[in-house]
């Protein structure tokens, strides 16, 4: 049993993943702040113009997909390391559910 634990502790891939998980845990906090900015901008857009801002809408969707990709990586549901250590297109290719707008 101790030998198996020692073997696991010596694997470079385990430590590499822990390193990336630490980095992405910090990035999650930054992305959450940006998402709150998107939310507030969309609320302001709705209040002042009566419609959502399309540019902010697409940015919010992209940022949400990025957060989803990070969370999948942190919970070991994917081994694909999120952007900036991989291509942004991988984040956009995730199988996200299609959501229709009612607004």
Protein backbone atom coordinates (compact mmCIF):
# COMPACT_ATOMS: atom_id res chain seq x y z
CA UNK A 1 0.00 0.00 0.00
CA UNK A 2 2.73 2.47 0.95
CA UNK A 3 4.68 1.50 -2.15
CA UNK A 4 1.71 2.39 -4.39
CA UNK A 5 1.35 5.76 -2.64
CA UNK A 6 5.06 6.41 -3.09
CA UNK A 7 4.77 5.56 -6.80
CA UNK A 8 1.84 7.96 -7.17
CA UNK A 9 3.77 10.72 -5.40
CA UNK A 10 6.73 10.25 -7.75
CA UNK A 11 4.69 10.62 -10.95
CA UNK A 12 5.51 13.86 -12.73
CA UNK A 13 2.07 13.94 -14.38
CA UNK A 14 0.37 14.11 -10.97
CA UNK A 15 2.44 17.11 -9.88
CA UNK A 16 2.00 18.77 -13.25
CA UNK A 17 -1.78 18.49 -12.93
CA UNK A 18 -1.70 19.85 -9.37
CA UNK A 19 0.37 22.79 -10.61
CA UNK A 20 -2.14 23.57 -13.38
CA UNK A 21 -5.07 23.11 -10.99
CA UNK A 22 -3.55 25.71 -8.67
CA UNK A 23 -3.15 28.19 -11.55
CA UNK A 24 -6.70 27.63 -12.77
CA UNK A 25 -8.13 27.99 -9.27
CA UNK A 26 -6.80 31.56 -9.30
CA UNK A 27 -8.06 32.14 -12.86
CA UNK A 28 -11.57 31.06 -11.77
CA UNK A 29 -11.67 33.98 -9.35
CA UNK A 30 -10.69 36.43 -12.10
CA UNK A 31 -13.23 35.00 -14.54
CA UNK A 32 -15.98 35.28 -11.93
CA UNK A 33 -15.19 39.01 -11.54
CA UNK A 34 -15.38 39.45 -15.34
CA UNK A 35 -18.69 37.58 -15.45
CA UNK A 36 -20.15 39.92 -12.84
CA UNK A 37 -19.02 42.81 -15.04
CA UNK A 38 -20.83 41.23 -18.00
CA UNK A 39 -23.95 40.76 -15.89
CA UNK A 40 -23.95 44.37 -14.74
CA UNK A 41 -23.35 45.68 -18.26
CA UNK A 42 -26.23 43.59 -19.63
CA UNK A 43 -28.55 44.82 -16.87
CA UNK A 44 -27.57 48.41 -17.65
CA UNK A 45 -28.10 47.77 -21.35
CA UNK A 46 -31.58 46.39 -20.67
CA UNK A 47 -32.47 49.33 -18.45
CA UNK A 48 -31.25 52.04 -20.81
CA UNK A 49 -31.90 50.60 -24.27
CA UNK A 50 -34.50 47.89 -23.63
CA UNK A 51 -32.41 45.18 -25.30
CA UNK A 52 -29.29 43.17 -24.60
CA UNK A 53 -25.96 44.18 -26.11
CA UNK A 54 -25.04 41.55 -28.72
CA UNK A 55 -21.27 42.06 -28.32
CA UNK A 56 -21.45 41.59 -24.57
CA UNK A 57 -23.81 38.64 -25.11
CA UNK A 58 -21.22 36.77 -27.18
CA UNK A 59 -18.41 37.70 -24.79
CA UNK A 60 -20.47 36.43 -21.84
CA UNK A 61 -21.20 33.14 -23.60
CA UNK A 62 -17.54 32.66 -24.45
CA UNK A 63 -16.45 33.53 -20.90
CA UNK A 64 -19.05 31.14 -19.46
CA UNK A 65 -17.81 28.33 -21.70
CA UNK A 66 -14.26 29.06 -20.54
CA UNK A 67 -15.31 28.85 -16.88
CA UNK A 68 -17.11 25.59 -17.64
CA UNK A 69 -13.97 24.20 -19.28
CA UNK A 70 -11.87 25.16 -16.25
CA UNK A 71 -14.36 23.53 -13.88
CA UNK A 72 -14.36 20.34 -15.95
CA UNK A 73 -10.57 20.28 -15.70
CA UNK A 74 -10.54 20.98 -11.94
CA UNK A 75 -13.04 18.19 -11.28
CA UNK A 76 -11.06 15.68 -13.39
CA UNK A 77 -13.83 15.42 -16.00
CA UNK A 78 -11.37 16.32 -18.75
CA UNK A 79 -7.63 16.13 -19.19
CA UNK A 80 -7.59 18.97 -21.71
CA UNK A 81 -5.83 21.89 -20.09
CA UNK A 82 -7.84 25.10 -20.65
CA UNK A 83 -6.66 28.26 -22.39
CA UNK A 84 -3.94 29.77 -22.29
CA UNK A 85 -2.18 26.40 -22.20
CA UNK A 86 -4.29 25.10 -25.08
CA UNK A 87 -6.12 26.60 -28.03
CA UNK A 88 -9.17 28.77 -27.28
CA UNK A 89 -11.09 26.81 -29.95
CA UNK A 90 -11.04 23.75 -27.67
CA UNK A 91 -13.09 25.69 -25.14
CA UNK A 92 -15.60 26.75 -27.79
CA UNK A 93 -15.91 23.17 -29.06
CA UNK A 94 -17.13 21.85 -25.71
CA UNK A 95 -20.54 20.23 -25.88
CA UNK A 96 -22.55 23.05 -24.35
CA UNK A 97 -26.33 22.82 -24.21
CA UNK A 98 -28.20 25.04 -26.64
CA UNK A 99 -30.16 27.71 -24.76
CA UNK A 100 -32.85 29.78 -26.40
CA UNK A 101 -33.34 33.42 -25.36
CA UNK A 102 -36.78 34.49 -24.19
CA UNK A 103 -35.82 38.08 -23.57
